[in-house]
Amino acid sequence: MDRDGGRRDESRGRRRAVLEMNAKVDTEQLRWQCRRGMLELDFVLERYLRDHFATASADDKRRFQQLLSAQDPELQVWLLNGVPHDDPAFQPLIDAIRGI
């Protein structure tokens, strides 16, 4: 019994290490995607990733990843100029990114 318990603990430890490594890789990939053609966009996106992404809801994490697929002119309009996103579900995230 002690032997099996040790194996389970070891297996859990390995799974936890893999999950942590995957999370780190995902964050590094997101950090790279935050690098844009405009320094202002880099600043607000990287600040959100650094300060808020880890504690964001699963929906906000998914929306953030979707935002990163948008072109710079669209991001500029939403994040820097304050024009509302066409999908109202994105607005709380955009406000958080803008620091409002």
Protein backbone atom coordinates (compact mmCIF):
# COMPACT_ATOMS: atom_id res chain seq x y z
CA MET A 1 0.00 0.00 0.00
CA ASP A 2 2.80 2.38 0.84
CA ARG A 3 4.42 1.52 -2.45
CA ASP A 4 1.28 2.28 -4.51
CA GLY A 5 0.71 5.49 -2.60
CA GLY A 6 4.22 6.58 -3.46
CA ARG A 7 3.59 5.85 -7.13
CA ARG A 8 0.39 7.88 -7.09
CA ASP A 9 2.16 10.81 -5.45
CA GLU A 10 4.95 10.58 -7.99
CA SER A 11 2.43 10.44 -10.84
CA ARG A 12 0.59 13.47 -9.47
CA GLY A 13 3.86 15.33 -9.15
CA ARG A 14 4.73 14.58 -12.77
CA ARG A 15 1.28 15.69 -13.97
CA ARG A 16 1.56 18.91 -11.98
CA ALA A 17 5.02 19.58 -13.44
CA VAL A 18 3.73 18.99 -16.98
CA LEU A 19 0.77 21.32 -16.41
CA GLU A 20 3.04 24.02 -15.00
CA MET A 21 5.41 23.65 -17.94
CA ASN A 22 2.50 23.85 -20.41
CA ALA A 23 1.17 26.96 -18.67
CA LYS A 24 4.61 28.56 -18.88
CA VAL A 25 4.90 27.71 -22.59
CA ASP A 26 1.39 29.04 -23.23
CA THR A 27 2.22 32.28 -21.41
CA GLU A 28 5.44 32.66 -23.39
CA GLN A 29 3.53 32.10 -26.64
CA LEU A 30 0.98 34.71 -25.58
CA ARG A 31 3.77 37.13 -24.64
CA TRP A 32 5.18 36.72 -28.12
CA GLN A 33 1.73 37.33 -29.64
CA CYS A 34 1.45 40.53 -27.58
CA ARG A 35 4.36 41.94 -29.55
CA ARG A 36 2.73 44.13 -32.17
CA GLY A 37 3.74 46.72 -34.72
CA MET A 38 2.76 49.53 -32.35
CA LEU A 39 4.65 50.09 -29.12
CA GLU A 40 1.48 51.33 -27.41
CA LEU A 41 -0.29 48.04 -28.14
CA ASP A 42 2.73 46.08 -26.87
CA PHE A 43 2.55 48.01 -23.63
CA VAL A 44 -1.15 47.51 -22.85
CA LEU A 45 -1.29 43.88 -23.99
CA GLU A 46 1.86 42.82 -22.15
CA ARG A 47 0.74 44.67 -19.02
CA TYR A 48 -2.57 42.77 -19.02
CA LEU A 49 -0.79 39.47 -19.62
CA ARG A 50 1.68 40.12 -16.79
CA ASP A 51 -0.73 41.55 -14.22
CA HIS A 52 -4.13 39.99 -14.88
CA PHE A 53 -4.09 37.01 -17.22
CA ALA A 54 -3.18 34.38 -14.62
CA THR A 55 -6.20 35.24 -12.48
CA ALA A 56 -8.63 35.90 -15.34
CA SER A 57 -11.66 33.71 -15.89
CA ALA A 58 -11.48 30.99 -18.52
CA ASP A 59 -13.80 33.07 -20.73
CA ASP A 60 -11.57 36.14 -20.45
CA LYS A 61 -8.48 34.05 -21.21
CA ARG A 62 -10.20 32.72 -24.33
CA ARG A 63 -11.31 36.21 -25.37
CA PHE A 64 -7.81 37.58 -24.80
CA GLN A 65 -6.41 34.92 -27.11
CA GLN A 66 -9.08 35.81 -29.67
CA LEU A 67 -8.18 39.50 -29.40
CA LEU A 68 -4.56 38.67 -30.12
CA SER A 69 -5.63 37.25 -33.49
CA ALA A 70 -7.02 40.66 -34.53
CA GLN A 71 -5.05 43.02 -36.74
CA ASP A 72 -3.25 46.00 -35.21
CA PRO A 73 -5.64 48.63 -36.64
CA GLU A 74 -8.60 46.86 -34.99
CA LEU A 75 -6.75 46.57 -31.67
CA GLN A 76 -5.81 50.23 -31.86
CA VAL A 77 -9.43 51.25 -32.29
CA TRP A 78 -10.63 49.13 -29.36
CA LEU A 79 -7.72 49.39 -26.94
CA LEU A 80 -6.30 52.84 -27.57
CA ASN A 81 -9.14 54.86 -29.08
CA GLY A 82 -11.89 53.42 -26.86
CA VAL A 83 -14.28 52.42 -29.64
CA PRO A 84 -16.56 49.61 -28.39
CA HIS A 85 -16.03 46.11 -29.76
CA ASP A 86 -18.81 44.77 -31.98
CA ASP A 87 -19.34 41.93 -29.50
CA PRO A 88 -20.35 43.39 -26.10
CA ALA A 89 -18.94 40.30 -24.33
CA PHE A 90 -15.45 41.60 -25.11
CA GLN A 91 -15.98 45.03 -23.55
CA PRO A 92 -15.17 44.17 -19.89
CA LEU A 93 -11.92 42.55 -21.05
CA ILE A 94 -11.07 45.53 -23.25
CA ASP A 95 -11.75 47.87 -20.33
CA ALA A 96 -9.46 45.78 -18.14
CA ILE A 97 -6.71 45.85 -20.77
CA ARG A 98 -7.10 49.62 -21.08
CA GLY A 99 -6.84 49.93 -17.31
CA ILE A 100 -10.29 51.46 -16.90
